[in-house]
Amino acid sequence: MTESERPFDGQWAVVTGGSKGIGRAIAERFVRGGASVVVVARGREPLDEAAGALRSVAAAGQDVVPVVADMGSRASIDELFDVIDARVPHLNIFVANAGTGWVTPFLELTAKEFDDVVALNFTGAIYGCQRAGQAMVRSSQPNQAILAVSSIRALGARPGRLVYAATKAGLNMAIRVAATELAPHGIRVNGLSPGITETPLTATNPDAFAEAVANVPLGRAGLPSDLGAAAAFLCSPEAAFITGANLVVDGGESLH
């Protein structure tokens, strides 16, 4: 990469849910762009595999730090930020990507599924962004950005997605309020809303995946790399005047 293609030289980024799918693609774009990255996931084995792959594309002077953490647990998020405080000299970028959800009819939704999705998609995502914002205020760097990965499911009503859609809709408003409050500190906060994307999570429900792809005007599912490119833009100095936005990357799926 040329210098102009490495907009994150000398910067540090944290990506949650970074061992697979969209999160891994985002982390790779940051590494290729010159950043050192803290990659976070719940599973040690896939996390170590992802960290090895990221190190293979890193240049001299870049670091890749894998951290096992459950982003649905406040205590685990606090432990993650203990590591960040110890290992990261200055936090430039935080991506709240970790999330989950299933297609479950409303009348069959269990308390555990409800609580698990809310804890990870809403409570944990917002708490992680809060902790990142606090760290950024302390370090005060030229390029500081928080990105929360939402979903186009927050924009429309589809059967079986009540709690998932509700958490993402709530996250969208949290992004706007946080953007308003952090703007005086020079910290930008944006959202990224994928449509149907080829990930290990969507592969667990092939029928729902095929149904969603059939409704994409551009005729295919999104790729993790599509979201990685969008995330890199929103977190780069090129997006210095963008905050409180929600970038939809869905091939036109939400136009219906």
C-alpha atoms as a PDB file:
ATOM      1  CA  MET A   1       0.000   0.000   0.000  1.00  0.00           C
ATOM      2  CA  THR A   2       1.098   3.533  -0.673  1.00  0.00           C
ATOM      3  CA  GLU A   3       1.120   6.167   2.063  1.00  0.00           C
ATOM      4  CA  SER A   4      -2.182   7.555   0.761  1.00  0.00           C
ATOM      5  CA  GLU A   5      -3.738   4.101   1.127  1.00  0.00           C
ATOM      6  CA  ARG A   6      -2.709   3.833   4.783  1.00  0.00           C
ATOM      7  CA  PRO A   7      -4.973   6.377   6.495  1.00  0.00           C
ATOM      8  CA  PHE A   8      -4.610   4.699   9.892  1.00  0.00           C
ATOM      9  CA  ASP A   9      -0.827   4.765  10.262  1.00  0.00           C
ATOM     10  CA  GLY A  10       0.110   5.060  13.935  1.00  0.00           C
ATOM     11  CA  GLN A  11      -3.480   4.624  15.080  1.00  0.00           C
ATOM     12  CA  TRP A  12      -5.076   2.014  17.333  1.00  0.00           C
ATOM     13  CA  ALA A  13      -8.448   0.397  16.685  1.00  0.00           C
ATOM     14  CA  VAL A  14     -10.588  -2.007  18.708  1.00  0.00           C
ATOM     15  CA  VAL A  15     -13.020  -4.312  16.890  1.00  0.00           C
ATOM     16  CA  THR A  16     -15.471  -6.466  18.845  1.00  0.00           C
ATOM     17  CA  GLY A  17     -16.803  -9.642  17.313  1.00  0.00           C
ATOM     18  CA  GLY A  18     -13.629  -9.496  15.286  1.00  0.00           C
ATOM     19  CA  SER A  19     -12.797 -13.164  14.766  1.00  0.00           C
ATOM     20  CA  LYS A  20     -15.331 -13.863  12.004  1.00  0.00           C
ATOM     21  CA  GLY A  21     -17.518 -12.330   9.330  1.00  0.00           C
ATOM     22  CA  ILE A  22     -18.029  -8.585   9.244  1.00  0.00           C
ATOM     23  CA  GLY A  23     -15.859  -7.860  12.284  1.00  0.00           C
ATOM     24  CA  ARG A  24     -12.896  -9.733  10.872  1.00  0.00           C
ATOM     25  CA  ALA A  25     -13.217  -7.923   7.541  1.00  0.00           C
ATOM     26  CA  ILE A  26     -13.302  -4.580   9.354  1.00  0.00           C
ATOM     27  CA  ALA A  27     -10.233  -5.471  11.402  1.00  0.00           C
ATOM     28  CA  GLU A  28      -8.386  -6.512   8.249  1.00  0.00           C
ATOM     29  CA  ARG A  29      -9.157  -3.199   6.539  1.00  0.00           C
ATOM     30  CA  PHE A  30      -7.760  -1.335   9.535  1.00  0.00           C
ATOM     31  CA  VAL A  31      -4.593  -3.432   9.553  1.00  0.00           C
ATOM     32  CA  ARG A  32      -4.107  -3.003   5.814  1.00  0.00           C
ATOM     33  CA  GLY A  33      -4.651   0.716   6.388  1.00  0.00           C
ATOM     34  CA  GLY A  34      -1.775   0.891   8.866  1.00  0.00           C
ATOM     35  CA  ALA A  35      -3.522   0.528  12.243  1.00  0.00           C
ATOM     36  CA  SER A  36      -2.648  -1.636  15.195  1.00  0.00           C
ATOM     37  CA  VAL A  37      -5.740  -3.563  16.229  1.00  0.00           C
ATOM     38  CA  VAL A  38      -7.207  -5.089  19.364  1.00  0.00           C
ATOM     39  CA  VAL A  39      -9.450  -7.855  18.068  1.00  0.00           C
ATOM     40  CA  VAL A  40     -12.105  -9.099  20.506  1.00  0.00           C
ATOM     41  CA  ALA A  41     -14.220 -12.254  20.516  1.00  0.00           C
ATOM     42  CA  ARG A  42     -15.674 -14.811  22.915  1.00  0.00           C
ATOM     43  CA  GLY A  43     -13.988 -17.908  21.466  1.00  0.00           C
ATOM     44  CA  ARG A  44     -10.259 -18.332  21.970  1.00  0.00           C
ATOM     45  CA  GLU A  45      -9.579 -20.686  19.054  1.00  0.00           C
ATOM     46  CA  PRO A  46     -11.203 -18.611  16.266  1.00  0.00           C
ATOM     47  CA  LEU A  47      -9.779 -15.462  17.851  1.00  0.00           C
ATOM     48  CA  ASP A  48      -6.223 -16.794  17.729  1.00  0.00           C
ATOM     49  CA  GLU A  49      -6.735 -17.930  14.130  1.00  0.00           C
ATOM     50  CA  ALA A  50      -8.007 -14.475  13.142  1.00  0.00           C
ATOM     51  CA  ALA A  51      -5.130 -12.750  14.951  1.00  0.00           C
ATOM     52  CA  GLY A  52      -2.629 -14.894  13.062  1.00  0.00           C
ATOM     53  CA  ALA A  53      -4.226 -14.008   9.743  1.00  0.00           C
ATOM     54  CA  LEU A  54      -4.225 -10.307  10.626  1.00  0.00           C
ATOM     55  CA  ARG A  55      -0.568 -10.408  11.636  1.00  0.00           C
ATOM     56  CA  SER A  56       0.253 -11.903   8.233  1.00  0.00           C
ATOM     57  CA  VAL A  57      -0.916  -8.698   6.516  1.00  0.00           C
ATOM     58  CA  ALA A  58       0.481  -6.277   9.108  1.00  0.00           C
ATOM     59  CA  ALA A  59       3.584  -4.246   8.419  1.00  0.00           C
ATOM     60  CA  ALA A  60       6.528  -3.718  10.736  1.00  0.00           C
ATOM     61  CA  GLY A  61       5.549  -1.661  13.759  1.00  0.00           C
ATOM     62  CA  GLN A  62       1.915  -2.742  13.732  1.00  0.00           C
ATOM     63  CA  ASP A  63       0.507  -4.832  16.558  1.00  0.00           C
ATOM     64  CA  VAL A  64      -2.435  -7.241  16.686  1.00  0.00           C
ATOM     65  CA  VAL A  65      -3.723  -7.945  20.192  1.00  0.00           C
ATOM     66  CA  PRO A  66      -6.342 -10.702  20.608  1.00  0.00           C
ATOM     67  CA  VAL A  67      -8.539 -10.412  23.706  1.00  0.00           C
ATOM     68  CA  VAL A  68     -11.211 -12.879  24.813  1.00  0.00           C
ATOM     69  CA  ALA A  69     -14.229 -10.969  26.126  1.00  0.00           C
ATOM     70  CA  ASP A  70     -17.995 -11.320  26.275  1.00  0.00           C
ATOM     71  CA  MET A  71     -19.469  -8.054  25.028  1.00  0.00           C
ATOM     72  CA  GLY A  72     -22.802  -9.011  26.571  1.00  0.00           C
ATOM     73  CA  SER A  73     -21.295  -8.710  30.063  1.00  0.00           C
ATOM     74  CA  ARG A  74     -20.447  -5.388  31.699  1.00  0.00           C
ATOM     75  CA  ALA A  75     -17.835  -7.091  33.884  1.00  0.00           C
ATOM     76  CA  SER A  76     -16.148  -8.621  30.836  1.00  0.00           C
ATOM     77  CA  ILE A  77     -16.220  -5.264  29.037  1.00  0.00           C
ATOM     78  CA  ASP A  78     -14.524  -3.682  32.048  1.00  0.00           C
ATOM     79  CA  GLU A  79     -11.834  -6.371  31.883  1.00  0.00           C
ATOM     80  CA  LEU A  80     -11.395  -5.667  28.170  1.00  0.00           C
ATOM     81  CA  PHE A  81     -10.795  -2.001  28.887  1.00  0.00           C
ATOM     82  CA  ASP A  82      -8.281  -2.912  31.582  1.00  0.00           C
ATOM     83  CA  VAL A  83      -6.309  -4.606  28.786  1.00  0.00           C
ATOM     84  CA  ILE A  84      -6.832  -1.639  26.467  1.00  0.00           C
ATOM     85  CA  ASP A  85      -5.610   0.780  29.139  1.00  0.00           C
ATOM     86  CA  ALA A  86      -2.510  -1.360  29.632  1.00  0.00           C
ATOM     87  CA  ARG A  87      -1.676  -2.165  25.995  1.00  0.00           C
ATOM     88  CA  VAL A  88      -3.029   0.693  23.896  1.00  0.00           C
ATOM     89  CA  PRO A  89      -1.160   4.012  24.061  1.00  0.00           C
ATOM     90  CA  HIS A  90      -4.080   5.946  22.551  1.00  0.00           C
ATOM     91  CA  LEU A  91      -7.470   4.802  21.301  1.00  0.00           C
ATOM     92  CA  ASN A  92      -8.458   6.192  17.913  1.00  0.00           C
ATOM     93  CA  ILE A  93     -11.222   3.845  16.752  1.00  0.00           C
ATOM     94  CA  PHE A  94     -13.748   1.611  18.472  1.00  0.00           C
ATOM     95  CA  VAL A  95     -16.085  -0.641  16.501  1.00  0.00           C
ATOM     96  CA  ALA A  96     -18.985  -2.211  18.387  1.00  0.00           C
ATOM     97  CA  ASN A  97     -19.642  -5.058  15.999  1.00  0.00           C
ATOM     98  CA  ALA A  98     -20.450  -8.015  18.262  1.00  0.00           C
ATOM     99  CA  GLY A  99     -24.103  -8.989  17.953  1.00  0.00           C
ATOM    100  CA  THR A 100     -26.473 -11.887  17.639  1.00  0.00           C
ATOM    101  CA  GLY A 101     -30.039 -12.816  16.834  1.00  0.00           C
ATOM    102  CA  TRP A 102     -32.320 -15.584  15.629  1.00  0.00           C
ATOM    103  CA  VAL A 103     -35.531 -15.840  13.653  1.00  0.00           C
ATOM    104  CA  THR A 104     -38.066 -16.709  16.355  1.00  0.00           C
ATOM    105  CA  PRO A 105     -41.817 -16.054  16.264  1.00  0.00           C
ATOM    106  CA  PHE A 106     -42.851 -13.484  18.885  1.00  0.00           C
ATOM    107  CA  LEU A 107     -45.101 -15.903  20.784  1.00  0.00           C
ATOM    108  CA  GLU A 108     -42.258 -18.428  21.022  1.00  0.00           C
ATOM    109  CA  LEU A 109     -39.564 -15.994  22.175  1.00  0.00           C
ATOM    110  CA  THR A 110     -37.977 -17.253  25.398  1.00  0.00           C
ATOM    111  CA  ALA A 111     -36.771 -15.108  28.254  1.00  0.00           C
ATOM    112  CA  LYS A 112     -33.204 -16.339  27.727  1.00  0.00           C
ATOM    113  CA  GLU A 113     -33.145 -15.470  24.042  1.00  0.00           C
ATOM    114  CA  PHE A 114     -34.644 -12.050  24.773  1.00  0.00           C
ATOM    115  CA  ASP A 115     -32.142 -11.304  27.537  1.00  0.00           C
ATOM    116  CA  ASP A 116     -29.132 -12.607  25.574  1.00  0.00           C
ATOM    117  CA  VAL A 117     -29.900 -10.507  22.506  1.00  0.00           C
ATOM    118  CA  VAL A 118     -30.581  -7.357  24.529  1.00  0.00           C
ATOM    119  CA  ALA A 119     -27.397  -7.851  26.575  1.00  0.00           C
ATOM    120  CA  LEU A 120     -25.153  -8.167  23.516  1.00  0.00           C
ATOM    121  CA  ASN A 121     -26.829  -6.017  20.857  1.00  0.00           C
ATOM    122  CA  PHE A 122     -27.990  -3.144  23.050  1.00  0.00           C
ATOM    123  CA  THR A 123     -26.625  -2.960  26.584  1.00  0.00           C
ATOM    124  CA  GLY A 124     -23.159  -4.273  25.773  1.00  0.00           C
ATOM    125  CA  ALA A 125     -22.819  -2.310  22.552  1.00  0.00           C
ATOM    126  CA  ILE A 126     -23.721   0.973  24.219  1.00  0.00           C
ATOM    127  CA  TYR A 127     -21.603   0.297  27.301  1.00  0.00           C
ATOM    128  CA  GLY A 128     -18.614  -0.553  25.118  1.00  0.00           C
ATOM    129  CA  CYS A 129     -19.082   2.686  23.190  1.00  0.00           C
ATOM    130  CA  GLN A 130     -19.332   4.603  26.469  1.00  0.00           C
ATOM    131  CA  ARG A 131     -16.078   3.124  27.771  1.00  0.00           C
ATOM    132  CA  ALA A 132     -14.415   3.882  24.417  1.00  0.00           C
ATOM    133  CA  GLY A 133     -15.659   7.457  24.510  1.00  0.00           C
ATOM    134  CA  GLN A 134     -14.247   7.933  27.992  1.00  0.00           C
ATOM    135  CA  ALA A 135     -10.867   6.583  26.862  1.00  0.00           C
ATOM    136  CA  MET A 136     -10.858   8.821  23.798  1.00  0.00           C
ATOM    137  CA  VAL A 137     -11.607  11.937  25.829  1.00  0.00           C
ATOM    138  CA  ARG A 138      -8.570  11.138  27.990  1.00  0.00           C
ATOM    139  CA  SER A 139      -6.204  10.603  25.048  1.00  0.00           C
ATOM    140  CA  SER A 140      -7.560  13.300  22.672  1.00  0.00           C
ATOM    141  CA  GLN A 141      -6.166  12.182  19.297  1.00  0.00           C
ATOM    142  CA  PRO A 142      -6.636  13.842  15.875  1.00  0.00           C
ATOM    143  CA  ASN A 143      -8.771  11.046  14.382  1.00  0.00           C
ATOM    144  CA  GLN A 144     -11.198   9.504  16.886  1.00  0.00           C
ATOM    145  CA  ALA A 145     -14.247   7.583  15.775  1.00  0.00           C
ATOM    146  CA  ILE A 146     -16.776   5.193  17.274  1.00  0.00           C
ATOM    147  CA  LEU A 147     -18.730   2.931  14.936  1.00  0.00           C
ATOM    148  CA  ALA A 148     -21.664   0.730  15.967  1.00  0.00           C
ATOM    149  CA  VAL A 149     -22.779  -2.008  13.596  1.00  0.00           C
ATOM    150  CA  SER A 150     -26.567  -1.948  13.434  1.00  0.00           C
ATOM    151  CA  SER A 151     -28.832  -3.579  10.829  1.00  0.00           C
ATOM    152  CA  ILE A 152     -31.459  -2.739   8.246  1.00  0.00           C
ATOM    153  CA  ARG A 153     -33.792  -4.892  10.365  1.00  0.00           C
ATOM    154  CA  ALA A 154     -34.155  -1.759  12.506  1.00  0.00           C
ATOM    155  CA  LEU A 155     -35.785  -0.042   9.532  1.00  0.00           C
ATOM    156  CA  GLY A 156     -38.622  -2.450   8.747  1.00  0.00           C
ATOM    157  CA  ALA A 157     -40.882  -5.015  10.389  1.00  0.00           C
ATOM    158  CA  ARG A 158     -40.397  -8.690   9.543  1.00  0.00           C
ATOM    159  CA  PRO A 159     -41.818 -11.700  11.371  1.00  0.00           C
ATOM    160  CA  GLY A 160     -39.553 -13.499  13.814  1.00  0.00           C
ATOM    161  CA  ARG A 161     -37.140 -10.632  14.353  1.00  0.00           C
ATOM    162  CA  LEU A 162     -38.821  -8.633  17.113  1.00  0.00           C
ATOM    163  CA  VAL A 163     -36.093  -8.481  19.737  1.00  0.00           C
ATOM    164  CA  TYR A 164     -33.262  -8.243  17.188  1.00  0.00           C
ATOM    165  CA  ALA A 165     -34.948  -5.391  15.333  1.00  0.00           C
ATOM    166  CA  ALA A 166     -35.846  -3.594  18.554  1.00  0.00           C
ATOM    167  CA  THR A 167     -32.272  -3.695  19.873  1.00  0.00           C
ATOM    168  CA  LYS A 168     -30.890  -2.378  16.599  1.00  0.00           C
ATOM    169  CA  ALA A 169     -33.493   0.398  16.457  1.00  0.00           C
ATOM    170  CA  GLY A 170     -32.552   1.419  19.992  1.00  0.00           C
ATOM    171  CA  LEU A 171     -28.880   1.308  19.063  1.00  0.00           C
ATOM    172  CA  ASN A 172     -29.550   3.651  16.141  1.00  0.00           C
ATOM    173  CA  MET A 173     -30.938   6.312  18.479  1.00  0.00           C
ATOM    174  CA  ALA A 174     -28.085   5.770  20.940  1.00  0.00           C
ATOM    175  CA  ILE A 175     -25.663   6.502  18.091  1.00  0.00           C
ATOM    176  CA  ARG A 176     -27.355   9.840  17.398  1.00  0.00           C
ATOM    177  CA  VAL A 177     -27.406  10.940  21.036  1.00  0.00           C
ATOM    178  CA  ALA A 178     -23.804   9.858  21.616  1.00  0.00           C
ATOM    179  CA  ALA A 179     -22.743  11.702  18.460  1.00  0.00           C
ATOM    180  CA  THR A 180     -24.353  14.870  19.805  1.00  0.00           C
ATOM    181  CA  GLU A 181     -22.673  14.605  23.190  1.00  0.00           C
ATOM    182  CA  LEU A 182     -19.203  13.615  21.946  1.00  0.00           C
ATOM    183  CA  ALA A 183     -18.975  16.110  19.084  1.00  0.00           C
ATOM    184  CA  PRO A 184     -17.505  18.871  21.316  1.00  0.00           C
ATOM    185  CA  HIS A 185     -14.636  16.469  22.066  1.00  0.00           C
ATOM    186  CA  GLY A 186     -13.974  15.907  18.367  1.00  0.00           C
ATOM    187  CA  ILE A 187     -15.161  12.297  18.604  1.00  0.00           C
ATOM    188  CA  ARG A 188     -17.377  11.101  15.778  1.00  0.00           C
ATOM    189  CA  VAL A 189     -20.043   8.416  16.314  1.00  0.00           C
ATOM    190  CA  ASN A 190     -21.693   6.669  13.383  1.00  0.00           C
ATOM    191  CA  GLY A 191     -23.673   3.564  12.562  1.00  0.00           C
ATOM    192  CA  LEU A 192     -23.289   0.955   9.839  1.00  0.00           C
ATOM    193  CA  SER A 193     -26.389  -0.996   8.809  1.00  0.00           C
ATOM    194  CA  PRO A 194     -25.759  -4.140   6.774  1.00  0.00           C
ATOM    195  CA  GLY A 195     -28.428  -6.009   4.906  1.00  0.00           C
ATOM    196  CA  ILE A 196     -28.173  -9.741   4.400  1.00  0.00           C
ATOM    197  CA  THR A 197     -24.469 -10.624   4.473  1.00  0.00           C
ATOM    198  CA  GLU A 198     -22.581 -13.878   4.036  1.00  0.00           C
ATOM    199  CA  THR A 199     -21.350 -14.605   7.567  1.00  0.00           C
ATOM    200  CA  PRO A 200     -21.128 -17.663   9.831  1.00  0.00           C
ATOM    201  CA  LEU A 201     -24.228 -16.358  11.660  1.00  0.00           C
ATOM    202  CA  THR A 202     -26.418 -16.121   8.550  1.00  0.00           C
ATOM    203  CA  ALA A 203     -25.193 -19.544   7.434  1.00  0.00           C
ATOM    204  CA  THR A 204     -26.968 -21.092  10.421  1.00  0.00           C
ATOM    205  CA  ASN A 205     -30.372 -20.331   8.843  1.00  0.00           C
ATOM    206  CA  PRO A 206     -30.131 -21.078   5.110  1.00  0.00           C
ATOM    207  CA  ASP A 207     -33.863 -20.647   4.468  1.00  0.00           C
ATOM    208  CA  ALA A 208     -33.954 -17.134   5.938  1.00  0.00           C
ATOM    209  CA  PHE A 209     -30.716 -16.343   4.093  1.00  0.00           C
ATOM    210  CA  ALA A 210     -32.138 -17.393   0.717  1.00  0.00           C
ATOM    211  CA  GLU A 211     -35.350 -15.465   1.370  1.00  0.00           C
ATOM    212  CA  ALA A 212     -33.427 -12.287   2.139  1.00  0.00           C
ATOM    213  CA  VAL A 213     -31.083 -12.609  -0.862  1.00  0.00           C
ATOM    214  CA  ALA A 214     -34.095 -12.941  -3.164  1.00  0.00           C
ATOM    215  CA  ASN A 215     -35.150  -9.434  -2.093  1.00  0.00           C
ATOM    216  CA  VAL A 216     -31.822  -7.716  -2.851  1.00  0.00           C
ATOM    217  CA  PRO A 217     -32.107  -5.519  -5.967  1.00  0.00           C
ATOM    218  CA  LEU A 218     -28.390  -5.875  -6.748  1.00  0.00           C
ATOM    219  CA  GLY A 219     -28.906  -9.627  -6.886  1.00  0.00           C
ATOM    220  CA  ARG A 220     -26.548 -10.944  -4.210  1.00  0.00           C
ATOM    221  CA  ALA A 221     -25.838 -11.001  -0.519  1.00  0.00           C
ATOM    222  CA  GLY A 222     -23.341  -8.573   0.909  1.00  0.00           C
ATOM    223  CA  LEU A 223     -19.790  -9.719   1.534  1.00  0.00           C
ATOM    224  CA  PRO A 224     -17.897  -8.961   4.735  1.00  0.00           C
ATOM    225  CA  SER A 225     -15.470  -6.992   2.575  1.00  0.00           C
ATOM    226  CA  ASP A 226     -18.315  -4.679   1.492  1.00  0.00           C
ATOM    227  CA  LEU A 227     -18.873  -3.766   5.132  1.00  0.00           C
ATOM    228  CA  GLY A 228     -15.150  -3.568   5.826  1.00  0.00           C
ATOM    229  CA  ALA A 229     -14.753  -0.931   3.135  1.00  0.00           C
ATOM    230  CA  ALA A 230     -17.675   1.114   4.462  1.00  0.00           C
ATOM    231  CA  ALA A 231     -16.400   0.908   8.041  1.00  0.00           C
ATOM    232  CA  ALA A 232     -12.908   1.974   6.999  1.00  0.00           C
ATOM    233  CA  PHE A 233     -14.338   5.037   5.282  1.00  0.00           C
ATOM    234  CA  LEU A 234     -16.513   6.077   8.228  1.00  0.00           C
ATOM    235  CA  CYS A 235     -13.598   5.744  10.648  1.00  0.00           C
ATOM    236  CA  SER A 236     -11.028   7.445   8.426  1.00  0.00           C
ATOM    237  CA  PRO A 237     -10.004  11.098   8.252  1.00  0.00           C
ATOM    238  CA  GLU A 238     -11.888  11.263   4.921  1.00  0.00           C
ATOM    239  CA  ALA A 239     -15.116  11.136   6.965  1.00  0.00           C
ATOM    240  CA  ALA A 240     -13.983  13.898   9.332  1.00  0.00           C
ATOM    241  CA  PHE A 241     -17.254  15.834   8.906  1.00  0.00           C
ATOM    242  CA  ILE A 242     -19.587  12.838   9.279  1.00  0.00           C
ATOM    243  CA  THR A 243     -21.144  12.088  12.652  1.00  0.00           C
ATOM    244  CA  GLY A 244     -24.521  10.781  13.767  1.00  0.00           C
ATOM    245  CA  ALA A 245     -24.970   9.077  10.392  1.00  0.00           C
ATOM    246  CA  ASN A 246     -26.181   5.563   9.677  1.00  0.00           C
ATOM    247  CA  LEU A 247     -24.716   4.186   6.472  1.00  0.00           C
ATOM    248  CA  VAL A 248     -26.902   1.488   4.908  1.00  0.00           C
ATOM    249  CA  VAL A 249     -24.907  -1.124   2.967  1.00  0.00           C
ATOM    250  CA  ASP A 250     -27.484  -3.585   1.696  1.00  0.00           C
ATOM    251  CA  GLY A 251     -27.536  -3.721  -2.098  1.00  0.00           C
ATOM    252  CA  GLY A 252     -30.899  -1.962  -2.020  1.00  0.00           C
ATOM    253  CA  GLU A 253     -32.610  -4.563   0.165  1.00  0.00           C
ATOM    254  CA  SER A 254     -34.238  -1.977   2.415  1.00  0.00           C
ATOM    255  CA  LEU A 255     -35.759  -0.137  -0.550  1.00  0.00           C
ATOM    256  CA  HIS A 256     -38.676  -2.579  -0.591  1.00  0.00           C
END
